[in-house]
Protein backbone atom coordinates (compact mmCIF):
# COMPACT_ATOMS: atom_id res chain seq x y z
CA UNK A 1 14.18 7.15 5.34
CA UNK A 2 12.17 5.25 7.99
CA UNK A 3 12.67 4.30 11.64
CA UNK A 4 14.75 1.14 12.08
CA UNK A 5 15.08 -1.68 14.60
CA UNK A 6 18.87 -1.55 14.25
CA UNK A 7 19.00 2.10 15.39
CA UNK A 8 16.08 2.48 17.83
CA UNK A 9 15.22 6.07 18.69
CA UNK A 10 17.38 7.53 15.92
CA UNK A 11 15.83 10.40 13.96
CA UNK A 12 14.61 9.66 10.43
CA UNK A 13 13.58 11.83 7.48
CA UNK A 14 10.38 10.18 6.33
CA UNK A 15 9.67 9.37 2.69
CA UNK A 16 8.66 12.84 1.45
CA UNK A 17 11.61 14.70 2.96
CA UNK A 18 14.07 11.99 1.88
CA UNK A 19 12.70 12.07 -1.68
CA UNK A 20 12.97 15.86 -1.79
CA UNK A 21 16.63 15.64 -0.80
CA UNK A 22 17.30 12.76 -3.22
CA UNK A 23 15.98 14.80 -6.15
CA UNK A 24 17.73 18.01 -5.09
CA UNK A 25 21.31 16.73 -4.74
CA UNK A 26 21.77 15.87 -8.41
CA UNK A 27 23.62 12.63 -7.56
CA UNK A 28 22.50 9.00 -7.43
CA UNK A 29 20.72 8.47 -4.09
CA UNK A 30 20.26 5.18 -2.23
CA UNK A 31 17.34 4.86 0.21
CA UNK A 32 18.56 3.72 3.65
CA UNK A 33 16.79 3.16 6.96
CA UNK A 34 13.89 0.81 7.60
CA UNK A 35 13.80 -0.23 3.96
CA UNK A 36 12.24 -3.31 2.40
CA UNK A 37 11.07 -4.13 -1.12
CA UNK A 38 7.52 -2.87 -0.53
CA UNK A 39 8.72 0.48 0.79
CA UNK A 40 11.17 0.87 -2.08
CA UNK A 41 8.40 0.32 -4.64
CA UNK A 42 6.66 3.35 -3.10
CA UNK A 43 9.85 5.43 -3.39
CA UNK A 44 11.17 4.15 -6.73
CA UNK A 45 9.99 7.07 -8.86
CA UNK A 46 10.96 9.73 -6.33
CA UNK A 47 14.66 10.21 -7.07
CA UNK A 48 16.25 7.08 -5.61
CA UNK A 49 18.29 4.70 -7.77
CA UNK A 50 18.19 1.83 -5.28
CA UNK A 51 17.91 0.79 -1.68
CA UNK A 52 19.95 -1.01 0.96
CA UNK A 53 18.93 -2.76 4.14
CA UNK A 54 20.04 -4.85 7.07
CA UNK A 55 16.80 -5.76 8.78
CA UNK A 56 14.87 -6.62 5.60
CA UNK A 57 17.50 -9.19 4.69
CA UNK A 58 17.93 -10.92 8.06
CA UNK A 59 15.60 -13.36 9.80
CA UNK A 60 13.61 -12.07 12.77
């Protein structure tokens, strides 16, 4: 969904495009990429059933 530190320079969808795809596929969608709890709260009602992260769960 968002840019990440674990994949610098990799393309990302952005929240609106990711949410559009999540709603359109008709399957449970997990938000990935640059996620943390605050960002998921913004996306929660937009078609995602959950989120996963690496960076948000590891110390800096």
